[in-house]
Structures are given as structure tokens and as C-alpha cells.
């Protein structure tokens, strides 16, 4: 029985993508925060927007993590970046929708 000479390749995580994903997640949070502030700044507005941010983060995070497990295995940097991009886009949409509240 022969042994394989193949050496497993370990991929290095791209640290700049991880940081960019974290910054974009914070940008998404700020979209929710400033939308709550713009519609009156009441405690209930902050509570609802911040709860909504974490709910959206949990749901989209699980979905993106499952997709990452199948499509880009062992690339957590891509997963974090994708979560950050989604959170920034959702936060931006939430902030823009504050203009539609009367």
C-alpha cells in the first residue's frame, strides 16, 4: 500500500478582508442607529432598530455561513466580508427608508 506524497495546503486568511467585513458590519449597525435617531430618537426606536440589526445579522449570518461551507470552504475571510457587505447594504436601505415614515 503506497502513501500519498501530497502535502495539504493551508490557505492564509486575508486579514484586510476580515477587517473590511468588520467595518462594513459596523456601518450596517450605524445605518440602523441613525435611522432610529432620525425618526425621533425615542428609546423604543433605538430598541427596535438595534434588535432588528441583530436579528438580520443572525439570519443572514447563518445563511451566508452555510453557503460558505459549501462554496468557499476554509475561507472565513470571505464569509466575514460577505456578511459585512450584506449588513452594510441592509443598513443603508434601512437608513434610506426612514424618509418614508410619517
PDB file of N, CA and C in Angstrom:
ATOM      1  N   UNK A   1       0.837  -1.164   0.000  1.00  0.00           N
ATOM      2  CA  UNK A   1       0.000   0.000   0.000  1.00  0.00           C
ATOM      3  C   UNK A   1       0.891   1.239   0.000  1.00  0.00           C
ATOM      4  N   UNK A   2       0.694   2.092  -0.962  1.00  0.00           N
ATOM      5  CA  UNK A   2       1.517   3.288  -1.109  1.00  0.00           C
ATOM      6  C   UNK A   2       0.885   4.460  -0.371  1.00  0.00           C
ATOM      7  N   UNK A   3       1.752   5.325   0.109  1.00  0.00           N
ATOM      8  CA  UNK A   3       1.254   6.530   0.767  1.00  0.00           C
ATOM      9  C   UNK A   3       1.340   7.690  -0.200  1.00  0.00           C
ATOM     10  N   UNK A   4       0.482   8.646  -0.009  1.00  0.00           N
ATOM     11  CA  UNK A   4       0.446   9.810  -0.877  1.00  0.00           C
ATOM     12  C   UNK A   4       1.527  10.805  -0.475  1.00  0.00           C
ATOM     13  N   UNK A   5       2.141  11.391  -1.464  1.00  0.00           N
ATOM     14  CA  UNK A   5       3.151  12.415  -1.212  1.00  0.00           C
ATOM     15  C   UNK A   5       2.547  13.810  -1.180  1.00  0.00           C
ATOM     16  N   UNK A   6       1.251  13.895  -1.324  1.00  0.00           N
ATOM     17  CA  UNK A   6       0.589  15.194  -1.354  1.00  0.00           C
ATOM     18  C   UNK A   6       0.633  15.833   0.028  1.00  0.00           C
ATOM     19  N   UNK A   7       0.951  17.106   0.024  1.00  0.00           N
ATOM     20  CA  UNK A   7       1.003  17.875   1.265  1.00  0.00           C
ATOM     21  C   UNK A   7      -0.233  18.758   1.307  1.00  0.00           C
ATOM     22  N   UNK A   8      -0.990  18.709   2.395  1.00  0.00           N
ATOM     23  CA  UNK A   8      -2.178  19.573   2.459  1.00  0.00           C
ATOM     24  C   UNK A   8      -1.782  21.048   2.448  1.00  0.00           C
ATOM     25  N   UNK A   9      -2.489  21.797   1.648  1.00  0.00           N
ATOM     26  CA  UNK A   9      -2.216  23.226   1.513  1.00  0.00           C
ATOM     27  C   UNK A   9      -3.094  23.983   2.499  1.00  0.00           C
ATOM     28  N   UNK A  10      -2.472  24.809   3.297  1.00  0.00           N
ATOM     29  CA  UNK A  10      -3.237  25.652   4.204  1.00  0.00           C
ATOM     30  C   UNK A  10      -3.303  27.049   3.606  1.00  0.00           C
ATOM     31  N   UNK A  11      -4.496  27.532   3.443  1.00  0.00           N
ATOM     32  CA  UNK A  11      -4.682  28.864   2.872  1.00  0.00           C
ATOM     33  C   UNK A  11      -4.573  29.901   3.967  1.00  0.00           C
ATOM     34  N   UNK A  12      -3.899  30.960   3.632  1.00  0.00           N
ATOM     35  CA  UNK A  12      -3.764  32.057   4.581  1.00  0.00           C
ATOM     36  C   UNK A  12      -4.977  32.967   4.447  1.00  0.00           C
ATOM     37  N   UNK A  13      -5.551  33.335   5.568  1.00  0.00           N
ATOM     38  CA  UNK A  13      -6.716  34.216   5.575  1.00  0.00           C
ATOM     39  C   UNK A  13      -6.265  35.642   5.259  1.00  0.00           C
ATOM     40  N   UNK A  14      -7.031  36.325   4.434  1.00  0.00           N
ATOM     41  CA  UNK A  14      -6.729  37.693   4.066  1.00  0.00           C
ATOM     42  C   UNK A  14      -7.223  38.620   5.186  1.00  0.00           C
ATOM     43  N   UNK A  15      -6.302  39.166   5.957  1.00  0.00           N
ATOM     44  CA  UNK A  15      -6.658  39.985   7.124  1.00  0.00           C
ATOM     45  C   UNK A  15      -7.377  41.274   6.724  1.00  0.00           C
ATOM     46  N   UNK A  16      -7.047  41.835   5.576  1.00  0.00           N
ATOM     47  CA  UNK A  16      -7.711  43.069   5.166  1.00  0.00           C
ATOM     48  C   UNK A  16      -9.185  42.810   4.846  1.00  0.00           C
ATOM     49  N   UNK A  17      -9.517  41.627   4.318  1.00  0.00           N
ATOM     50  CA  UNK A  17     -10.918  41.302   4.061  1.00  0.00           C
ATOM     51  C   UNK A  17     -11.676  41.114   5.359  1.00  0.00           C
ATOM     52  N   UNK A  18     -11.013  40.552   6.358  1.00  0.00           N
ATOM     53  CA  UNK A  18     -11.649  40.383   7.664  1.00  0.00           C
ATOM     54  C   UNK A  18     -11.937  41.745   8.281  1.00  0.00           C
ATOM     55  N   UNK A  19     -10.964  42.649   8.239  1.00  0.00           N
ATOM     56  CA  UNK A  19     -11.169  43.991   8.784  1.00  0.00           C
ATOM     57  C   UNK A  19     -12.233  44.749   8.004  1.00  0.00           C
ATOM     58  N   UNK A  20     -12.228  44.627   6.680  1.00  0.00           N
ATOM     59  CA  UNK A  20     -13.238  45.300   5.871  1.00  0.00           C
ATOM     60  C   UNK A  20     -14.631  44.770   6.193  1.00  0.00           C
ATOM     61  N   UNK A  21     -14.755  43.467   6.378  1.00  0.00           N
ATOM     62  CA  UNK A  21     -16.043  42.878   6.765  1.00  0.00           C
ATOM     63  C   UNK A  21     -16.516  43.381   8.109  1.00  0.00           C
ATOM     64  N   UNK A  22     -15.587  43.512   9.063  1.00  0.00           N
ATOM     65  CA  UNK A  22     -15.952  44.032  10.390  1.00  0.00           C
ATOM     66  C   UNK A  22     -16.382  45.493  10.299  1.00  0.00           C
ATOM     67  N   UNK A  23     -15.660  46.288   9.523  1.00  0.00           N
ATOM     68  CA  UNK A  23     -16.012  47.709   9.368  1.00  0.00           C
ATOM     69  C   UNK A  23     -17.363  47.851   8.677  1.00  0.00           C
ATOM     70  N   UNK A  24     -17.622  47.042   7.661  1.00  0.00           N
ATOM     71  CA  UNK A  24     -18.908  47.107   6.975  1.00  0.00           C
ATOM     72  C   UNK A  24     -20.055  46.668   7.883  1.00  0.00           C
ATOM     73  N   UNK A  25     -19.806  45.741   8.781  1.00  0.00           N
ATOM     74  CA  UNK A  25     -20.825  45.355   9.753  1.00  0.00           C
ATOM     75  C   UNK A  25     -21.143  46.516  10.685  1.00  0.00           C
ATOM     76  N   UNK A  26     -20.121  47.243  11.108  1.00  0.00           N
ATOM     77  CA  UNK A  26     -20.330  48.427  11.950  1.00  0.00           C
ATOM     78  C   UNK A  26     -21.090  49.497  11.164  1.00  0.00           C
ATOM     79  N   UNK A  27     -20.790  49.660   9.882  1.00  0.00           N
ATOM     80  CA  UNK A  27     -21.516  50.621   9.040  1.00  0.00           C
ATOM     81  C   UNK A  27     -22.997  50.229   8.973  1.00  0.00           C
ATOM     82  N   UNK A  28     -23.273  48.949   8.845  1.00  0.00           N
ATOM     83  CA  UNK A  28     -24.666  48.491   8.848  1.00  0.00           C
ATOM     84  C   UNK A  28     -25.365  48.811  10.158  1.00  0.00           C
ATOM     85  N   UNK A  29     -24.658  48.612  11.273  1.00  0.00           N
ATOM     86  CA  UNK A  29     -25.222  48.959  12.575  1.00  0.00           C
ATOM     87  C   UNK A  29     -25.507  50.459  12.654  1.00  0.00           C
ATOM     88  N   UNK A  30     -24.584  51.266  12.156  1.00  0.00           N
ATOM     89  CA  UNK A  30     -24.781  52.718  12.206  1.00  0.00           C
ATOM     90  C   UNK A  30     -25.957  53.159  11.345  1.00  0.00           C
ATOM     91  N   UNK A  31     -26.232  52.442  10.259  1.00  0.00           N
ATOM     92  CA  UNK A  31     -27.428  52.742   9.462  1.00  0.00           C
ATOM     93  C   UNK A  31     -28.689  52.575  10.288  1.00  0.00           C
ATOM     94  N   UNK A  32     -28.761  51.509  11.059  1.00  0.00           N
ATOM     95  CA  UNK A  32     -29.910  51.296  11.944  1.00  0.00           C
ATOM     96  C   UNK A  32     -29.951  52.347  13.051  1.00  0.00           C
ATOM     97  N   UNK A  33     -28.798  52.639  13.622  1.00  0.00           N
ATOM     98  CA  UNK A  33     -28.720  53.595  14.725  1.00  0.00           C
ATOM     99  C   UNK A  33     -29.168  54.981  14.280  1.00  0.00           C
ATOM    100  N   UNK A  34     -28.650  55.459  13.155  1.00  0.00           N
ATOM    101  CA  UNK A  34     -29.004  56.794  12.685  1.00  0.00           C
ATOM    102  C   UNK A  34     -30.436  56.867  12.168  1.00  0.00           C
ATOM    103  N   UNK A  35     -30.971  55.757  11.672  1.00  0.00           N
ATOM    104  CA  UNK A  35     -32.380  55.743  11.276  1.00  0.00           C
ATOM    105  C   UNK A  35     -33.266  55.886  12.511  1.00  0.00           C
ATOM    106  N   UNK A  36     -32.910  55.226  13.605  1.00  0.00           N
ATOM    107  CA  UNK A  36     -33.681  55.354  14.843  1.00  0.00           C
ATOM    108  C   UNK A  36     -33.583  56.776  15.379  1.00  0.00           C
ATOM    109  N   UNK A  37     -32.415  57.354  15.283  1.00  0.00           N
ATOM    110  CA  UNK A  37     -32.219  58.724  15.747  1.00  0.00           C
ATOM    111  C   UNK A  37     -33.011  59.712  14.895  1.00  0.00           C
ATOM    112  N   UNK A  38     -33.082  59.459  13.589  1.00  0.00           N
ATOM    113  CA  UNK A  38     -33.754  60.384  12.680  1.00  0.00           C
ATOM    114  C   UNK A  38     -35.275  60.359  12.821  1.00  0.00           C
ATOM    115  N   UNK A  39     -35.833  59.230  13.255  1.00  0.00           N
ATOM    116  CA  UNK A  39     -37.299  59.171  13.366  1.00  0.00           C
ATOM    117  C   UNK A  39     -37.793  59.605  14.731  1.00  0.00           C
ATOM    118  N   UNK A  40     -36.945  60.197  15.510  1.00  0.00           N
ATOM    119  CA  UNK A  40     -37.393  60.748  16.774  1.00  0.00           C
ATOM    120  C   UNK A  40     -36.454  60.488  17.926  1.00  0.00           C
ATOM    121  N   UNK A  41     -35.655  59.467  17.840  1.00  0.00           N
ATOM    122  CA  UNK A  41     -34.692  59.185  18.894  1.00  0.00           C
ATOM    123  C   UNK A  41     -35.292  58.682  20.191  1.00  0.00           C
ATOM    124  N   UNK A  42     -36.492  58.140  20.117  1.00  0.00           N
ATOM    125  CA  UNK A  42     -37.110  57.593  21.310  1.00  0.00           C
ATOM    126  C   UNK A  42     -36.480  56.243  21.642  1.00  0.00           C
ATOM    127  N   UNK A  43     -36.587  55.858  22.893  1.00  0.00           N
ATOM    128  CA  UNK A  43     -35.979  54.600  23.336  1.00  0.00           C
ATOM    129  C   UNK A  43     -36.537  53.403  22.584  1.00  0.00           C
ATOM    130  N   UNK A  44     -37.816  53.443  22.270  1.00  0.00           N
ATOM    131  CA  UNK A  44     -38.418  52.315  21.549  1.00  0.00           C
ATOM    132  C   UNK A  44     -37.863  52.221  20.126  1.00  0.00           C
ATOM    133  N   UNK A  45     -37.561  53.355  19.507  1.00  0.00           N
ATOM    134  CA  UNK A  45     -36.982  53.337  18.153  1.00  0.00           C
ATOM    135  C   UNK A  45     -35.593  52.718  18.179  1.00  0.00           C
ATOM    136  N   UNK A  46     -34.781  53.121  19.162  1.00  0.00           N
ATOM    137  CA  UNK A  46     -33.447  52.533  19.293  1.00  0.00           C
ATOM    138  C   UNK A  46     -33.547  51.038  19.568  1.00  0.00           C
ATOM    139  N   UNK A  47     -34.442  50.651  20.466  1.00  0.00           N
ATOM    140  CA  UNK A  47     -34.593  49.242  20.816  1.00  0.00           C
ATOM    141  C   UNK A  47     -34.976  48.415  19.600  1.00  0.00           C
ATOM    142  N   UNK A  48     -35.960  48.907  18.846  1.00  0.00           N
ATOM    143  CA  UNK A  48     -36.435  48.151  17.692  1.00  0.00           C
ATOM    144  C   UNK A  48     -35.380  48.060  16.596  1.00  0.00           C
ATOM    145  N   UNK A  49     -34.693  49.159  16.322  1.00  0.00           N
ATOM    146  CA  UNK A  49     -33.685  49.145  15.264  1.00  0.00           C
ATOM    147  C   UNK A  49     -32.476  48.298  15.639  1.00  0.00           C
ATOM    148  N   UNK A  50     -32.047  48.385  16.872  1.00  0.00           N
ATOM    149  CA  UNK A  50     -30.891  47.590  17.288  1.00  0.00           C
ATOM    150  C   UNK A  50     -31.265  46.105  17.352  1.00  0.00           C
ATOM    151  N   UNK A  51     -32.461  45.789  17.829  1.00  0.00           N
ATOM    152  CA  UNK A  51     -32.925  44.400  17.808  1.00  0.00           C
ATOM    153  C   UNK A  51     -33.023  43.905  16.368  1.00  0.00           C
ATOM    154  N   UNK A  52     -33.536  44.750  15.480  1.00  0.00           N
ATOM    155  CA  UNK A  52     -33.631  44.382  14.064  1.00  0.00           C
ATOM    156  C   UNK A  52     -32.274  44.125  13.448  1.00  0.00           C
ATOM    157  N   UNK A  53     -31.290  44.944  13.804  1.00  0.00           N
ATOM    158  CA  UNK A  53     -29.935  44.728  13.293  1.00  0.00           C
ATOM    159  C   UNK A  53     -29.417  43.360  13.696  1.00  0.00           C
ATOM    160  N   UNK A  54     -29.528  43.023  14.981  1.00  0.00           N
ATOM    161  CA  UNK A  54     -29.011  41.743  15.440  1.00  0.00           C
ATOM    162  C   UNK A  54     -29.814  40.562  14.890  1.00  0.00           C
ATOM    163  N   UNK A  55     -31.102  40.742  14.688  1.00  0.00           N
ATOM    164  CA  UNK A  55     -31.915  39.689  14.082  1.00  0.00           C
ATOM    165  C   UNK A  55     -31.492  39.457  12.632  1.00  0.00           C
ATOM    166  N   UNK A  56     -31.333  40.538  11.883  1.00  0.00           N
ATOM    167  CA  UNK A  56     -30.886  40.418  10.491  1.00  0.00           C
ATOM    168  C   UNK A  56     -29.485  39.841  10.431  1.00  0.00           C
ATOM    169  N   UNK A  57     -28.618  40.249  11.356  1.00  0.00           N
ATOM    170  CA  UNK A  57     -27.259  39.716  11.406  1.00  0.00           C
ATOM    171  C   UNK A  57     -27.270  38.213  11.657  1.00  0.00           C
ATOM    172  N   UNK A  58     -28.125  37.763  12.560  1.00  0.00           N
ATOM    173  CA  UNK A  58     -28.188  36.329  12.869  1.00  0.00           C
ATOM    174  C   UNK A  58     -28.714  35.531  11.679  1.00  0.00           C
ATOM    175  N   UNK A  59     -29.787  36.006  11.071  1.00  0.00           N
ATOM    176  CA  UNK A  59     -30.398  35.263   9.962  1.00  0.00           C
ATOM    177  C   UNK A  59     -29.471  35.239   8.749  1.00  0.00           C
ATOM    178  N   UNK A  60     -28.991  36.408   8.327  1.00  0.00           N
ATOM    179  CA  UNK A  60     -28.119  36.439   7.151  1.00  0.00           C
ATOM    180  C   UNK A  60     -26.771  35.797   7.448  1.00  0.00           C
ATOM    181  N   UNK A  61     -26.307  35.903   8.686  1.00  0.00           N
ATOM    182  CA  UNK A  61     -25.041  35.271   9.049  1.00  0.00           C
ATOM    183  C   UNK A  61     -25.106  33.761   8.936  1.00  0.00           C
ATOM    184  N   UNK A  62     -26.203  33.176   9.384  1.00  0.00           N
ATOM    185  CA  UNK A  62     -26.367  31.725   9.278  1.00  0.00           C
ATOM    186  C   UNK A  62     -26.456  31.304   7.808  1.00  0.00           C
ATOM    187  N   UNK A  63     -27.218  32.048   7.031  1.00  0.00           N
ATOM    188  CA  UNK A  63     -27.365  31.709   5.605  1.00  0.00           C
ATOM    189  C   UNK A  63     -26.024  31.812   4.881  1.00  0.00           C
ATOM    190  N   UNK A  64     -25.294  32.904   5.101  1.00  0.00           N
ATOM    191  CA  UNK A  64     -24.008  33.088   4.430  1.00  0.00           C
ATOM    192  C   UNK A  64     -22.988  32.070   4.926  1.00  0.00           C
ATOM    193  N   UNK A  65     -23.021  31.741   6.206  1.00  0.00           N
ATOM    194  CA  UNK A  65     -22.096  30.730   6.732  1.00  0.00           C
ATOM    195  C   UNK A  65     -22.374  29.362   6.107  1.00  0.00           C
ATOM    196  N   UNK A  66     -23.636  29.018   5.931  1.00  0.00           N
ATOM    197  CA  UNK A  66     -23.962  27.741   5.274  1.00  0.00           C
ATOM    198  C   UNK A  66     -23.528  27.752   3.816  1.00  0.00           C
ATOM    199  N   UNK A  67     -23.752  28.858   3.127  1.00  0.00           N
ATOM    200  CA  UNK A  67     -23.284  28.959   1.747  1.00  0.00           C
ATOM    201  C   UNK A  67     -21.763  28.879   1.684  1.00  0.00           C
ATOM    202  N   UNK A  68     -21.102  29.519   2.628  1.00  0.00           N
ATOM    203  CA  UNK A  68     -19.646  29.478   2.671  1.00  0.00           C
ATOM    204  C   UNK A  68     -19.114  28.090   2.925  1.00  0.00           C
ATOM    205  N   UNK A  69     -19.834  27.322   3.682  1.00  0.00           N
ATOM    206  CA  UNK A  69     -19.398  25.950   3.962  1.00  0.00           C
ATOM    207  C   UNK A  69     -19.401  25.092   2.700  1.00  0.00           C
ATOM    208  N   UNK A  70     -20.313  25.382   1.790  1.00  0.00           N
ATOM    209  CA  UNK A  70     -20.393  24.603   0.556  1.00  0.00           C
ATOM    210  C   UNK A  70     -19.546  25.186  -0.580  1.00  0.00           C
ATOM    211  N   UNK A  71     -19.443  26.508  -0.670  1.00  0.00           N
ATOM    212  CA  UNK A  71     -18.800  27.116  -1.830  1.00  0.00           C
ATOM    213  C   UNK A  71     -17.374  27.592  -1.596  1.00  0.00           C
ATOM    214  N   UNK A  72     -17.068  28.093  -0.423  1.00  0.00           N
ATOM    215  CA  UNK A  72     -15.703  28.546  -0.170  1.00  0.00           C
ATOM    216  C   UNK A  72     -15.236  28.040   1.190  1.00  0.00           C
ATOM    217  N   UNK A  73     -15.128  26.732   1.271  1.00  0.00           N
ATOM    218  CA  UNK A  73     -14.702  26.050   2.493  1.00  0.00           C
ATOM    219  C   UNK A  73     -13.327  26.548   2.924  1.00  0.00           C
ATOM    220  N   UNK A  74     -13.123  26.684   4.214  1.00  0.00           N
ATOM    221  CA  UNK A  74     -11.850  27.124   4.810  1.00  0.00           C
ATOM    222  C   UNK A  74     -11.476  28.548   4.434  1.00  0.00           C
ATOM    223  N   UNK A  75     -12.443  29.363   4.042  1.00  0.00           N
ATOM    224  CA  UNK A  75     -12.168  30.763   3.739  1.00  0.00           C
ATOM    225  C   UNK A  75     -13.085  31.637   4.598  1.00  0.00           C
ATOM    226  N   UNK A  76     -12.778  31.705   5.870  1.00  0.00           N
ATOM    227  CA  UNK A  76     -13.597  32.504   6.780  1.00  0.00           C
ATOM    228  C   UNK A  76     -13.527  33.983   6.457  1.00  0.00           C
ATOM    229  N   UNK A  77     -12.427  34.430   5.847  1.00  0.00           N
ATOM    230  CA  UNK A  77     -12.314  35.837   5.487  1.00  0.00           C
ATOM    231  C   UNK A  77     -13.369  36.228   4.455  1.00  0.00           C
ATOM    232  N   UNK A  78     -13.655  35.345   3.513  1.00  0.00           N
ATOM    233  CA  UNK A  78     -14.688  35.626   2.516  1.00  0.00           C
ATOM    234  C   UNK A  78     -16.062  35.643   3.181  1.00  0.00           C
ATOM    235  N   UNK A  79     -16.287  34.750   4.120  1.00  0.00           N
ATOM    236  CA  UNK A  79     -17.570  34.704   4.828  1.00  0.00           C
ATOM    237  C   UNK A  79     -17.799  35.984   5.624  1.00  0.00           C
ATOM    238  N   UNK A  80     -16.784  36.439   6.335  1.00  0.00           N
ATOM    239  CA  UNK A  80     -16.911  37.671   7.127  1.00  0.00           C
ATOM    240  C   UNK A  80     -17.119  38.873   6.218  1.00  0.00           C
ATOM    241  N   UNK A  81     -16.408  38.908   5.099  1.00  0.00           N
ATOM    242  CA  UNK A  81     -16.591  40.006   4.152  1.00  0.00           C
ATOM    243  C   UNK A  81     -18.007  39.997   3.573  1.00  0.00           C
ATOM    244  N   UNK A  82     -18.524  38.830   3.222  1.00  0.00           N
ATOM    245  CA  UNK A  82     -19.877  38.744   2.662  1.00  0.00           C
ATOM    246  C   UNK A  82     -20.926  39.185   3.682  1.00  0.00           C
ATOM    247  N   UNK A  83     -20.759  38.783   4.928  1.00  0.00           N
ATOM    248  CA  UNK A  83     -21.687  39.211   5.975  1.00  0.00           C
ATOM    249  C   UNK A  83     -21.622  40.728   6.145  1.00  0.00           C
ATOM    250  N   UNK A  84     -20.425  41.295   6.121  1.00  0.00           N
ATOM    251  CA  UNK A  84     -20.272  42.744   6.244  1.00  0.00           C
ATOM    252  C   UNK A  84     -20.913  43.500   5.097  1.00  0.00           C
ATOM    253  N   UNK A  85     -20.750  42.988   3.881  1.00  0.00           N
ATOM    254  CA  UNK A  85     -21.355  43.648   2.715  1.00  0.00           C
ATOM    255  C   UNK A  85     -22.875  43.617   2.818  1.00  0.00           C
ATOM    256  N   UNK A  86     -23.428  42.482   3.193  1.00  0.00           N
ATOM    257  CA  UNK A  86     -24.889  42.378   3.331  1.00  0.00           C
ATOM    258  C   UNK A  86     -25.390  43.318   4.425  1.00  0.00           C
ATOM    259  N   UNK A  87     -24.694  43.381   5.546  1.00  0.00           N
ATOM    260  CA  UNK A  87     -25.123  44.251   6.644  1.00  0.00           C
ATOM    261  C   UNK A  87     -25.036  45.722   6.252  1.00  0.00           C
ATOM    262  N   UNK A  88     -23.997  46.100   5.534  1.00  0.00           N
ATOM    263  CA  UNK A  88     -23.873  47.495   5.091  1.00  0.00           C
ATOM    264  C   UNK A  88     -24.998  47.854   4.126  1.00  0.00           C
ATOM    265  N   UNK A  89     -25.322  46.958   3.204  1.00  0.00           N
ATOM    266  CA  UNK A  89     -26.406  47.222   2.258  1.00  0.00           C
ATOM    267  C   UNK A  89     -27.753  47.322   2.966  1.00  0.00           C
ATOM    268  N   UNK A  90     -28.013  46.413   3.895  1.00  0.00           N
ATOM    269  CA  UNK A  90     -29.290  46.450   4.625  1.00  0.00           C
ATOM    270  C   UNK A  90     -29.358  47.701   5.497  1.00  0.00           C
ATOM    271  N   UNK A  91     -28.265  48.056   6.161  1.00  0.00           N
ATOM    272  CA  UNK A  91     -28.242  49.265   6.979  1.00  0.00           C
ATOM    273  C   UNK A  91     -28.481  50.520   6.151  1.00  0.00           C
ATOM    274  N   UNK A  92     -27.927  50.550   4.948  1.00  0.00           N
ATOM    275  CA  UNK A  92     -28.135  51.690   4.056  1.00  0.00           C
ATOM    276  C   UNK A  92     -29.595  51.786   3.622  1.00  0.00           C
ATOM    277  N   UNK A  93     -30.200  50.645   3.294  1.00  0.00           N
ATOM    278  CA  UNK A  93     -31.612  50.629   2.901  1.00  0.00           C
ATOM    279  C   UNK A  93     -32.495  51.053   4.067  1.00  0.00           C
ATOM    280  N   UNK A  94     -32.200  50.585   5.263  1.00  0.00           N
ATOM    281  CA  UNK A  94     -32.971  50.969   6.446  1.00  0.00           C
ATOM    282  C   UNK A  94     -32.857  52.479   6.676  1.00  0.00           C
ATOM    283  N   UNK A  95     -31.669  53.017   6.521  1.00  0.00           N
ATOM    284  CA  UNK A  95     -31.470  54.451   6.712  1.00  0.00           C
ATOM    285  C   UNK A  95     -32.251  55.242   5.655  1.00  0.00           C
ATOM    286  N   UNK A  96     -32.245  54.779   4.409  1.00  0.00           N
ATOM    287  CA  UNK A  96     -33.000  55.475   3.373  1.00  0.00           C
ATOM    288  C   UNK A  96     -34.502  55.380   3.586  1.00  0.00           C
ATOM    289  N   UNK A  97     -34.980  54.276   4.140  1.00  0.00           N
ATOM    290  CA  UNK A  97     -36.405  54.104   4.372  1.00  0.00           C
ATOM    291  C   UNK A  97     -36.941  54.990   5.485  1.00  0.00           C
ATOM    292  N   UNK A  98     -36.062  55.577   6.266  1.00  0.00           N
ATOM    293  CA  UNK A  98     -36.543  56.475   7.321  1.00  0.00           C
ATOM    294  C   UNK A  98     -37.249  57.681   6.753  1.00  0.00           C
ATOM    295  N   UNK A  99     -36.977  58.023   5.497  1.00  0.00           N
ATOM    296  CA  UNK A  99     -37.636  59.162   4.869  1.00  0.00           C
ATOM    297  C   UNK A  99     -39.086  58.861   4.542  1.00  0.00           C
ATOM    298  N   UNK A 100     -39.468  57.585   4.497  1.00  0.00           N
ATOM    299  CA  UNK A 100     -40.841  57.190   4.163  1.00  0.00           C
ATOM    300  C   UNK A 100     -41.737  57.089   5.379  1.00  0.00           C
ATOM    301  N   UNK A 101     -41.198  57.278   6.572  1.00  0.00           N
ATOM    302  CA  UNK A 101     -42.016  57.186   7.781  1.00  0.00           C
ATOM    303  C   UNK A 101     -42.614  58.549   8.084  1.00  0.00           C
ATOM    304  N   UNK A 102     -43.908  58.565   8.340  1.00  0.00           N
ATOM    305  CA  UNK A 102     -44.584  59.840   8.621  1.00  0.00           C
ATOM    306  C   UNK A 102     -44.964  59.942  10.055  1.00  0.00           C
TER     307      UNK A 102
END
